[in-house]
């Protein structure tokens, strides 16, 4: 079976059209991948910023808690010193006398 020259032309034209469509599809896929990569890089950067912020907030909270605990210890020590100076005995002995 022999093909007519016009049939060969149409076949060649169809193959050329298919090649251009494939190239356009590949370019579209490359563009989509580039956009997804950009979005992913942006999301990673935002996650790092949020994570860094969360770490800073937790660090400040821990520093505040430690300072509060140290303040409580200092106040308790000061109260103990005042009680010992006033009553002449440590706090636990004063509490035992008051309980008796």
PDB file of N, CA and C in Angstrom:
ATOM      1  N   UNK A   1       0.853  -1.163   0.000  1.00  0.00           N
ATOM      2  CA  UNK A   1       0.000   0.000   0.000  1.00  0.00           C
ATOM      3  C   UNK A   1       0.895   1.220   0.000  1.00  0.00           C
ATOM      4  N   UNK A   2       0.693   2.039  -0.923  1.00  0.00           N
ATOM      5  CA  UNK A   2       1.529   3.217  -1.102  1.00  0.00           C
ATOM      6  C   UNK A   2       0.747   4.448  -0.657  1.00  0.00           C
ATOM      7  N   UNK A   3       1.493   5.389  -0.080  1.00  0.00           N
ATOM      8  CA  UNK A   3       0.857   6.627   0.396  1.00  0.00           C
ATOM      9  C   UNK A   3       1.000   7.701  -0.668  1.00  0.00           C
ATOM     10  N   UNK A   4      -0.005   8.442  -0.782  1.00  0.00           N
ATOM     11  CA  UNK A   4      -0.018   9.574  -1.718  1.00  0.00           C
ATOM     12  C   UNK A   4       0.800  10.714  -1.101  1.00  0.00           C
ATOM     13  N   UNK A   5       1.441  11.571  -1.926  1.00  0.00           N
ATOM     14  CA  UNK A   5       2.226  12.676  -1.362  1.00  0.00           C
ATOM     15  C   UNK A   5       1.426  13.578  -0.427  1.00  0.00           C
ATOM     16  N   UNK A   6       0.144  13.774  -0.701  1.00  0.00           N
ATOM     17  CA  UNK A   6      -0.653  14.609   0.199  1.00  0.00           C
ATOM     18  C   UNK A   6      -0.862  13.905   1.538  1.00  0.00           C
ATOM     19  N   UNK A   7      -0.968  12.574   1.478  1.00  0.00           N
ATOM     20  CA  UNK A   7      -1.088  11.802   2.726  1.00  0.00           C
ATOM     21  C   UNK A   7       0.205  11.901   3.533  1.00  0.00           C
ATOM     22  N   UNK A   8       1.341  11.837   2.842  1.00  0.00           N
ATOM     23  CA  UNK A   8       2.626  11.996   3.525  1.00  0.00           C
ATOM     24  C   UNK A   8       2.746  13.382   4.139  1.00  0.00           C
ATOM     25  N   UNK A   9       2.280  14.399   3.394  1.00  0.00           N
ATOM     26  CA  UNK A   9       2.318  15.760   3.930  1.00  0.00           C
ATOM     27  C   UNK A   9       1.453  15.871   5.189  1.00  0.00           C
ATOM     28  N   UNK A  10       0.270  15.306   5.158  1.00  0.00           N
ATOM     29  CA  UNK A  10      -0.629  15.351   6.321  1.00  0.00           C
ATOM     30  C   UNK A  10      -0.033  14.580   7.497  1.00  0.00           C
ATOM     31  N   UNK A  11       0.586  13.450   7.195  1.00  0.00           N
ATOM     32  CA  UNK A  11       1.223  12.667   8.249  1.00  0.00           C
ATOM     33  C   UNK A  11       2.368  13.453   8.881  1.00  0.00           C
ATOM     34  N   UNK A  12       3.190  14.056   8.014  1.00  0.00           N
ATOM     35  CA  UNK A  12       4.307  14.873   8.518  1.00  0.00           C
ATOM     36  C   UNK A  12       3.772  16.062   9.327  1.00  0.00           C
ATOM     37  N   UNK A  13       2.727  16.692   8.833  1.00  0.00           N
ATOM     38  CA  UNK A  13       2.121  17.831   9.540  1.00  0.00           C
ATOM     39  C   UNK A  13       1.581  17.378  10.894  1.00  0.00           C
ATOM     40  N   UNK A  14       0.953  16.212  10.944  1.00  0.00           N
ATOM     41  CA  UNK A  14       0.429  15.687  12.200  1.00  0.00           C
ATOM     42  C   UNK A  14       1.543  15.385  13.188  1.00  0.00           C
ATOM     43  N   UNK A  15       2.632  14.821  12.684  1.00  0.00           N
ATOM     44  CA  UNK A  15       3.768  14.540  13.559  1.00  0.00           C
ATOM     45  C   UNK A  15       4.404  15.828  14.076  1.00  0.00           C
ATOM     46  N   UNK A  16       4.508  16.827  13.198  1.00  0.00           N
ATOM     47  CA  UNK A  16       5.044  18.132  13.638  1.00  0.00           C
ATOM     48  C   UNK A  16       4.149  18.759  14.700  1.00  0.00           C
ATOM     49  N   UNK A  17       2.833  18.702  14.471  1.00  0.00           N
ATOM     50  CA  UNK A  17       1.888  19.249  15.464  1.00  0.00           C
ATOM     51  C   UNK A  17       2.012  18.513  16.790  1.00  0.00           C
ATOM     52  N   UNK A  18       2.137  17.185  16.713  1.00  0.00           N
ATOM     53  CA  UNK A  18       2.271  16.393  17.936  1.00  0.00           C
ATOM     54  C   UNK A  18       3.566  16.747  18.657  1.00  0.00           C
ATOM     55  N   UNK A  19       4.649  16.949  17.909  1.00  0.00           N
ATOM     56  CA  UNK A  19       5.927  17.335  18.512  1.00  0.00           C
ATOM     57  C   UNK A  19       5.836  18.684  19.201  1.00  0.00           C
ATOM     58  N   UNK A  20       5.149  19.645  18.547  1.00  0.00           N
ATOM     59  CA  UNK A  20       5.002  20.972  19.162  1.00  0.00           C
ATOM     60  C   UNK A  20       4.141  20.886  20.417  1.00  0.00           C
ATOM     61  N   UNK A  21       3.096  20.057  20.357  1.00  0.00           N
ATOM     62  CA  UNK A  21       2.248  19.901  21.535  1.00  0.00           C
ATOM     63  C   UNK A  21       3.029  19.259  22.675  1.00  0.00           C
ATOM     64  N   UNK A  22       3.866  18.279  22.338  1.00  0.00           N
ATOM     65  CA  UNK A  22       4.682  17.636  23.369  1.00  0.00           C
ATOM     66  C   UNK A  22       5.658  18.640  23.963  1.00  0.00           C
ATOM     67  N   UNK A  23       6.269  19.461  23.111  1.00  0.00           N
ATOM     68  CA  UNK A  23       7.212  20.469  23.604  1.00  0.00           C
ATOM     69  C   UNK A  23       6.496  21.486  24.492  1.00  0.00           C
ATOM     70  N   UNK A  24       5.297  21.890  24.069  1.00  0.00           N
ATOM     71  CA  UNK A  24       4.519  22.823  24.890  1.00  0.00           C
ATOM     72  C   UNK A  24       4.156  22.188  26.227  1.00  0.00           C
ATOM     73  N   UNK A  25       3.793  20.913  26.203  1.00  0.00           N
ATOM     74  CA  UNK A  25       3.455  20.215  27.448  1.00  0.00           C
ATOM     75  C   UNK A  25       4.676  20.112  28.357  1.00  0.00           C
ATOM     76  N   UNK A  26       5.851  19.802  27.770  1.00  0.00           N
ATOM     77  CA  UNK A  26       7.076  19.726  28.574  1.00  0.00           C
ATOM     78  C   UNK A  26       7.418  21.078  29.180  1.00  0.00           C
ATOM     79  N   UNK A  27       7.257  22.138  28.378  1.00  0.00           N
ATOM     80  CA  UNK A  27       7.513  23.485  28.905  1.00  0.00           C
ATOM     81  C   UNK A  27       6.543  23.834  30.020  1.00  0.00           C
ATOM     82  N   UNK A  28       5.298  23.421  29.874  1.00  0.00           N
ATOM     83  CA  UNK A  28       4.298  23.671  30.909  1.00  0.00           C
ATOM     84  C   UNK A  28       4.657  22.929  32.192  1.00  0.00           C
ATOM     85  N   UNK A  29       5.094  21.682  32.029  1.00  0.00           N
ATOM     86  CA  UNK A  29       5.484  20.893  33.204  1.00  0.00           C
ATOM     87  C   UNK A  29       6.697  21.526  33.879  1.00  0.00           C
ATOM     88  N   UNK A  30       7.672  21.964  33.092  1.00  0.00           N
ATOM     89  CA  UNK A  30       8.856  22.622  33.662  1.00  0.00           C
ATOM     90  C   UNK A  30       8.451  23.891  34.404  1.00  0.00           C
ATOM     91  N   UNK A  31       7.532  24.644  33.827  1.00  0.00           N
ATOM     92  CA  UNK A  31       7.054  25.873  34.483  1.00  0.00           C
ATOM     93  C   UNK A  31       6.339  25.542  35.795  1.00  0.00           C
ATOM     94  N   UNK A  32       5.475  24.514  35.754  1.00  0.00           N
ATOM     95  CA  UNK A  32       4.751  24.112  36.971  1.00  0.00           C
ATOM     96  C   UNK A  32       5.720  23.646  38.054  1.00  0.00           C
ATOM     97  N   UNK A  33       6.740  22.886  37.656  1.00  0.00           N
ATOM     98  CA  UNK A  33       7.729  22.419  38.630  1.00  0.00           C
ATOM     99  C   UNK A  33       8.475  23.604  39.226  1.00  0.00           C
ATOM    100  N   UNK A  34       8.832  24.574  38.391  1.00  0.00           N
ATOM    101  CA  UNK A  34       9.532  25.762  38.901  1.00  0.00           C
ATOM    102  C   UNK A  34       8.643  26.533  39.879  1.00  0.00           C
ATOM    103  N   UNK A  35       7.361  26.652  39.569  1.00  0.00           N
ATOM    104  CA  UNK A  35       6.444  27.357  40.473  1.00  0.00           C
ATOM    105  C   UNK A  35       6.300  26.597  41.792  1.00  0.00           C
ATOM    106  N   UNK A  36       6.165  25.276  41.714  1.00  0.00           N
ATOM    107  CA  UNK A  36       6.048  24.473  42.936  1.00  0.00           C
ATOM    108  C   UNK A  36       7.316  24.571  43.773  1.00  0.00           C
ATOM    109  N   UNK A  37       8.466  24.572  43.115  1.00  0.00           N
ATOM    110  CA  UNK A  37       9.737  24.700  43.824  1.00  0.00           C
ATOM    111  C   UNK A  37       9.802  26.049  44.545  1.00  0.00           C
ATOM    112  N   UNK A  38       9.371  27.122  43.849  1.00  0.00           N
ATOM    113  CA  UNK A  38       9.366  28.447  44.466  1.00  0.00           C
ATOM    114  C   UNK A  38       8.424  28.492  45.664  1.00  0.00           C
ATOM    115  N   UNK A  39       7.232  27.906  45.503  1.00  0.00           N
ATOM    116  CA  UNK A  39       6.273  27.870  46.615  1.00  0.00           C
ATOM    117  C   UNK A  39       6.832  27.066  47.785  1.00  0.00           C
ATOM    118  N   UNK A  40       7.467  25.951  47.482  1.00  0.00           N
ATOM    119  CA  UNK A  40       8.044  25.116  48.528  1.00  0.00           C
ATOM    120  C   UNK A  40       9.158  25.845  49.265  1.00  0.00           C
ATOM    121  N   UNK A  41      10.016  26.543  48.525  1.00  0.00           N
ATOM    122  CA  UNK A  41      11.081  27.315  49.166  1.00  0.00           C
ATOM    123  C   UNK A  41      10.498  28.406  50.050  1.00  0.00           C
ATOM    124  N   UNK A  42       9.418  29.045  49.581  1.00  0.00           N
ATOM    125  CA  UNK A  42       8.756  30.080  50.384  1.00  0.00           C
ATOM    126  C   UNK A  42       8.167  29.471  51.648  1.00  0.00           C
ATOM    127  N   UNK A  43       7.488  28.316  51.507  1.00  0.00           N
ATOM    128  CA  UNK A  43       6.899  27.652  52.680  1.00  0.00           C
ATOM    129  C   UNK A  43       7.971  27.245  53.685  1.00  0.00           C
ATOM    130  N   UNK A  44       9.096  26.752  53.197  1.00  0.00           N
ATOM    131  CA  UNK A  44      10.197  26.366  54.088  1.00  0.00           C
ATOM    132  C   UNK A  44      10.730  27.594  54.815  1.00  0.00           C
ATOM    133  N   UNK A  45      10.892  28.700  54.095  1.00  0.00           N
ATOM    134  CA  UNK A  45      11.381  29.929  54.724  1.00  0.00           C
ATOM    135  C   UNK A  45      10.410  30.423  55.788  1.00  0.00           C
ATOM    136  N   UNK A  46       9.112  30.380  55.499  1.00  0.00           N
ATOM    137  CA  UNK A  46       8.112  30.819  56.475  1.00  0.00           C
ATOM    138  C   UNK A  46       8.101  29.883  57.685  1.00  0.00           C
ATOM    139  N   UNK A  47       8.261  28.585  57.457  1.00  0.00           N
ATOM    140  CA  UNK A  47       8.303  27.629  58.563  1.00  0.00           C
ATOM    141  C   UNK A  47       9.515  27.897  59.451  1.00  0.00           C
ATOM    142  N   UNK A  48      10.661  28.190  58.827  1.00  0.00           N
ATOM    143  CA  UNK A  48      11.856  28.491  59.610  1.00  0.00           C
ATOM    144  C   UNK A  48      11.661  29.750  60.443  1.00  0.00           C
ATOM    145  N   UNK A  49      11.040  30.765  59.860  1.00  0.00           N
ATOM    146  CA  UNK A  49      10.786  32.008  60.602  1.00  0.00           C
ATOM    147  C   UNK A  49       9.864  31.719  61.781  1.00  0.00           C
ATOM    148  N   UNK A  50       8.783  30.964  61.532  1.00  0.00           N
ATOM    149  CA  UNK A  50       7.844  30.646  62.613  1.00  0.00           C
ATOM    150  C   UNK A  50       8.523  29.799  63.693  1.00  0.00           C
ATOM    151  N   UNK A  51       9.310  28.825  63.270  1.00  0.00           N
ATOM    152  CA  UNK A  51      10.004  27.975  64.224  1.00  0.00           C
ATOM    153  C   UNK A  51      10.990  28.781  65.060  1.00  0.00           C
ATOM    154  N   UNK A  52      11.722  29.672  64.413  1.00  0.00           N
ATOM    155  CA  UNK A  52      12.661  30.534  65.132  1.00  0.00           C
ATOM    156  C   UNK A  52      11.912  31.407  66.136  1.00  0.00           C
ATOM    157  N   UNK A  53      10.771  31.953  65.714  1.00  0.00           N
ATOM    158  CA  UNK A  53       9.968  32.790  66.614  1.00  0.00           C
ATOM    159  C   UNK A  53       9.468  31.967  67.796  1.00  0.00           C
ATOM    160  N   UNK A  54       8.958  30.754  67.529  1.00  0.00           N
ATOM    161  CA  UNK A  54       8.468  29.896  68.606  1.00  0.00           C
ATOM    162  C   UNK A  54       9.586  29.553  69.594  1.00  0.00           C
ATOM    163  N   UNK A  55      10.771  29.281  69.074  1.00  0.00           N
ATOM    164  CA  UNK A  55      11.912  28.977  69.949  1.00  0.00           C
ATOM    165  C   UNK A  55      12.252  30.186  70.804  1.00  0.00           C
ATOM    166  N   UNK A  56      12.236  31.391  70.214  1.00  0.00           N
ATOM    167  CA  UNK A  56      12.522  32.614  70.976  1.00  0.00           C
ATOM    168  C   UNK A  56      11.492  32.821  72.078  1.00  0.00           C
ATOM    169  N   UNK A  57      10.214  32.608  71.747  1.00  0.00           N
ATOM    170  CA  UNK A  57       9.150  32.787  72.739  1.00  0.00           C
ATOM    171  C   UNK A  57       9.324  31.797  73.887  1.00  0.00           C
ATOM    172  N   UNK A  58       9.593  30.546  73.564  1.00  0.00           N
ATOM    173  CA  UNK A  58       9.793  29.536  74.617  1.00  0.00           C
ATOM    174  C   UNK A  58      11.020  29.855  75.464  1.00  0.00           C
ATOM    175  N   UNK A  59      12.071  30.337  74.828  1.00  0.00           N
ATOM    176  CA  UNK A  59      13.275  30.703  75.578  1.00  0.00           C
ATOM    177  C   UNK A  59      12.960  31.834  76.554  1.00  0.00           C
ATOM    178  N   UNK A  60      12.219  32.836  76.086  1.00  0.00           N
ATOM    179  CA  UNK A  60      11.837  33.937  76.983  1.00  0.00           C
ATOM    180  C   UNK A  60      10.956  33.449  78.123  1.00  0.00           C
ATOM    181  N   UNK A  61      10.024  32.541  77.806  1.00  0.00           N
ATOM    182  CA  UNK A  61       9.159  31.986  78.853  1.00  0.00           C
ATOM    183  C   UNK A  61       9.977  31.229  79.893  1.00  0.00           C
ATOM    184  N   UNK A  62      10.939  30.449  79.449  1.00  0.00           N
ATOM    185  CA  UNK A  62      11.779  29.691  80.387  1.00  0.00           C
ATOM    186  C   UNK A  62      12.621  30.636  81.239  1.00  0.00           C
ATOM    187  N   UNK A  63      13.167  31.676  80.637  1.00  0.00           N
ATOM    188  CA  UNK A  63      13.951  32.651  81.403  1.00  0.00           C
ATOM    189  C   UNK A  63      13.065  33.318  82.452  1.00  0.00           C
ATOM    190  N   UNK A  64      11.836  33.665  82.068  1.00  0.00           N
ATOM    191  CA  UNK A  64      10.901  34.284  83.010  1.00  0.00           C
ATOM    192  C   UNK A  64      10.593  33.336  84.162  1.00  0.00           C
ATOM    193  N   UNK A  65      10.371  32.061  83.858  1.00  0.00           N
ATOM    194  CA  UNK A  65      10.077  31.084  84.914  1.00  0.00           C
ATOM    195  C   UNK A  65      11.262  30.906  85.858  1.00  0.00           C
ATOM    196  N   UNK A  66      12.454  30.814  85.288  1.00  0.00           N
ATOM    197  CA  UNK A  66      13.647  30.654  86.130  1.00  0.00           C
ATOM    198  C   UNK A  66      13.829  31.876  87.020  1.00  0.00           C
ATOM    199  N   UNK A  67      13.643  33.061  86.456  1.00  0.00           N
ATOM    200  CA  UNK A  67      13.769  34.288  87.260  1.00  0.00           C
ATOM    201  C   UNK A  67      12.723  34.325  88.367  1.00  0.00           C
ATOM    202  N   UNK A  68      11.498  33.894  88.062  1.00  0.00           N
ATOM    203  CA  UNK A  68      10.448  33.862  89.070  1.00  0.00           C
ATOM    204  C   UNK A  68      10.802  32.887  90.189  1.00  0.00           C
ATOM    205  N   UNK A  69      11.307  31.714  89.824  1.00  0.00           N
ATOM    206  CA  UNK A  69      11.708  30.728  90.834  1.00  0.00           C
ATOM    207  C   UNK A  69      12.838  31.281  91.698  1.00  0.00           C
ATOM    208  N   UNK A  70      13.809  31.925  91.072  1.00  0.00           N
ATOM    209  CA  UNK A  70      14.903  32.532  91.842  1.00  0.00           C
ATOM    210  C   UNK A  70      14.396  33.629  92.769  1.00  0.00           C
ATOM    211  N   UNK A  71      13.412  34.399  92.308  1.00  0.00           N
ATOM    212  CA  UNK A  71      12.817  35.434  93.145  1.00  0.00           C
ATOM    213  C   UNK A  71      12.106  34.811  94.345  1.00  0.00           C
ATOM    214  N   UNK A  72      11.383  33.713  94.109  1.00  0.00           N
ATOM    215  CA  UNK A  72      10.718  33.029  95.223  1.00  0.00           C
ATOM    216  C   UNK A  72      11.734  32.493  96.233  1.00  0.00           C
ATOM    217  N   UNK A  73      12.814  31.907  95.742  1.00  0.00           N
ATOM    218  CA  UNK A  73      13.847  31.390  96.635  1.00  0.00           C
ATOM    219  C   UNK A  73      14.472  32.530  97.431  1.00  0.00           C
ATOM    220  N   UNK A  74      14.729  33.650  96.760  1.00  0.00           N
ATOM    221  CA  UNK A  74      15.312  34.808  97.455  1.00  0.00           C
ATOM    222  C   UNK A  74      14.352  35.335  98.522  1.00  0.00           C
ATOM    223  N   UNK A  75      13.066  35.413  98.189  1.00  0.00           N
ATOM    224  CA  UNK A  75      12.081  35.886  99.173  1.00  0.00           C
ATOM    225  C   UNK A  75      11.991  34.924 100.358  1.00  0.00           C
ATOM    226  N   UNK A  76      11.983  33.627 100.068  1.00  0.00           N
ATOM    227  CA  UNK A  76      11.914  32.653 101.157  1.00  0.00           C
ATOM    228  C   UNK A  76      13.156  32.750 102.045  1.00  0.00           C
ATOM    229  N   UNK A  77      14.310  32.937 101.432  1.00  0.00           N
ATOM    230  CA  UNK A  77      15.541  33.095 102.215  1.00  0.00           C
ATOM    231  C   UNK A  77      15.481  34.355 103.069  1.00  0.00           C
ATOM    232  N   UNK A  78      14.995  35.422 102.489  1.00  0.00           N
ATOM    233  CA  UNK A  78      14.886  36.684 103.236  1.00  0.00           C
ATOM    234  C   UNK A  78      13.911  36.543 104.393  1.00  0.00           C
ATOM    235  N   UNK A  79      12.786  35.866 104.153  1.00  0.00           N
ATOM    236  CA  UNK A  79      11.821  35.641 105.236  1.00  0.00           C
ATOM    237  C   UNK A  79      12.462  34.806 106.331  1.00  0.00           C
ATOM    238  N   UNK A  80      13.211  33.777 105.942  1.00  0.00           N
ATOM    239  CA  UNK A  80      13.905  32.951 106.929  1.00  0.00           C
ATOM    240  C   UNK A  80      14.906  33.756 107.739  1.00  0.00           C
ATOM    241  N   UNK A  81      15.638  34.646 107.089  1.00  0.00           N
ATOM    242  CA  UNK A  81      16.610  35.492 107.793  1.00  0.00           C
ATOM    243  C   UNK A  81      15.906  36.428 108.760  1.00  0.00           C
ATOM    244  N   UNK A  82      14.794  37.014 108.332  1.00  0.00           N
ATOM    245  CA  UNK A  82      14.046  37.937 109.199  1.00  0.00           C
ATOM    246  C   UNK A  82      13.473  37.189 110.398  1.00  0.00           C
ATOM    247  N   UNK A  83      12.901  36.008 110.170  1.00  0.00           N
ATOM    248  CA  UNK A  83      12.341  35.231 111.280  1.00  0.00           C
ATOM    249  C   UNK A  83      13.440  34.830 112.253  1.00  0.00           C
ATOM    250  N   UNK A  84      14.587  34.387 111.744  1.00  0.00           N
ATOM    251  CA  UNK A  84      15.680  33.995 112.630  1.00  0.00           C
ATOM    252  C   UNK A  84      16.182  35.200 113.425  1.00  0.00           C
ATOM    253  N   UNK A  85      16.242  36.364 112.787  1.00  0.00           N
ATOM    254  CA  UNK A  85      16.696  37.565 113.495  1.00  0.00           C
ATOM    255  C   UNK A  85      15.686  37.997 114.552  1.00  0.00           C
ATOM    256  N   UNK A  86      14.412  37.861 114.239  1.00  0.00           N
ATOM    257  CA  UNK A  86      13.378  38.310 115.169  1.00  0.00           C
ATOM    258  C   UNK A  86      13.163  37.317 116.321  1.00  0.00           C
ATOM    259  N   UNK A  87      13.085  36.044 115.984  1.00  0.00           N
ATOM    260  CA  UNK A  87      12.790  35.038 117.007  1.00  0.00           C
ATOM    261  C   UNK A  87      14.043  34.350 117.544  1.00  0.00           C
ATOM    262  N   UNK A  88      15.152  34.493 116.893  1.00  0.00           N
ATOM    263  CA  UNK A  88      16.391  33.881 117.352  1.00  0.00           C
ATOM    264  C   UNK A  88      16.467  32.397 117.058  1.00  0.00           C
ATOM    265  N   UNK A  89      15.619  31.887 116.176  1.00  0.00           N
ATOM    266  CA  UNK A  89      15.623  30.460 115.835  1.00  0.00           C
ATOM    267  C   UNK A  89      15.269  30.321 114.358  1.00  0.00           C
ATOM    268  N   UNK A  90      15.644  29.208 113.758  1.00  0.00           N
ATOM    269  CA  UNK A  90      15.264  28.984 112.358  1.00  0.00           C
ATOM    270  C   UNK A  90      13.755  28.848 112.213  1.00  0.00           C
ATOM    271  N   UNK A  91      13.293  28.999 110.988  1.00  0.00           N
ATOM    272  CA  UNK A  91      11.865  28.978 110.690  1.00  0.00           C
ATOM    273  C   UNK A  91      11.195  27.694 111.157  1.00  0.00           C
ATOM    274  N   UNK A  92      11.804  26.564 110.955  1.00  0.00           N
ATOM    275  CA  UNK A  92      11.164  25.307 111.327  1.00  0.00           C
ATOM    276  C   UNK A  92      10.970  25.202 112.832  1.00  0.00           C
ATOM    277  N   UNK A  93      11.899  25.777 113.621  1.00  0.00           N
ATOM    278  CA  UNK A  93      11.740  25.741 115.079  1.00  0.00           C
ATOM    279  C   UNK A  93      10.625  26.689 115.511  1.00  0.00           C
ATOM    280  N   UNK A  94      10.540  27.837 114.863  1.00  0.00           N
ATOM    281  CA  UNK A  94       9.458  28.794 115.173  1.00  0.00           C
ATOM    282  C   UNK A  94       8.103  28.164 114.869  1.00  0.00           C
ATOM    283  N   UNK A  95       8.011  27.485 113.729  1.00  0.00           N
ATOM    284  CA  UNK A  95       6.744  26.838 113.358  1.00  0.00           C
ATOM    285  C   UNK A  95       6.398  25.736 114.353  1.00  0.00           C
ATOM    286  N   UNK A  96       7.395  25.009 114.835  1.00  0.00           N
ATOM    287  CA  UNK A  96       7.133  23.980 115.844  1.00  0.00           C
ATOM    288  C   UNK A  96       6.615  24.607 117.129  1.00  0.00           C
ATOM    289  N   UNK A  97       7.167  25.744 117.540  1.00  0.00           N
ATOM    290  CA  UNK A  97       6.718  26.427 118.763  1.00  0.00           C
ATOM    291  C   UNK A  97       5.288  26.923 118.591  1.00  0.00           C
ATOM    292  N   UNK A  98       4.984  27.465 117.397  1.00  0.00           N
ATOM    293  CA  UNK A  98       3.639  27.969 117.166  1.00  0.00           C
ATOM    294  C   UNK A  98       2.615  26.833 117.118  1.00  0.00           C
ATOM    295  N   UNK A  99       3.011  25.689 116.614  1.00  0.00           N
ATOM    296  CA  UNK A  99       2.098  24.559 116.528  1.00  0.00           C
ATOM    297  C   UNK A  99       1.844  23.928 117.879  1.00  0.00           C
ATOM    298  N   UNK A 100       2.761  24.081 118.800  1.00  0.00           N
ATOM    299  CA  UNK A 100       2.640  23.428 120.103  1.00  0.00           C
ATOM    300  C   UNK A 100       1.669  24.139 121.007  1.00  0.00           C
TER     301      UNK A 100
END
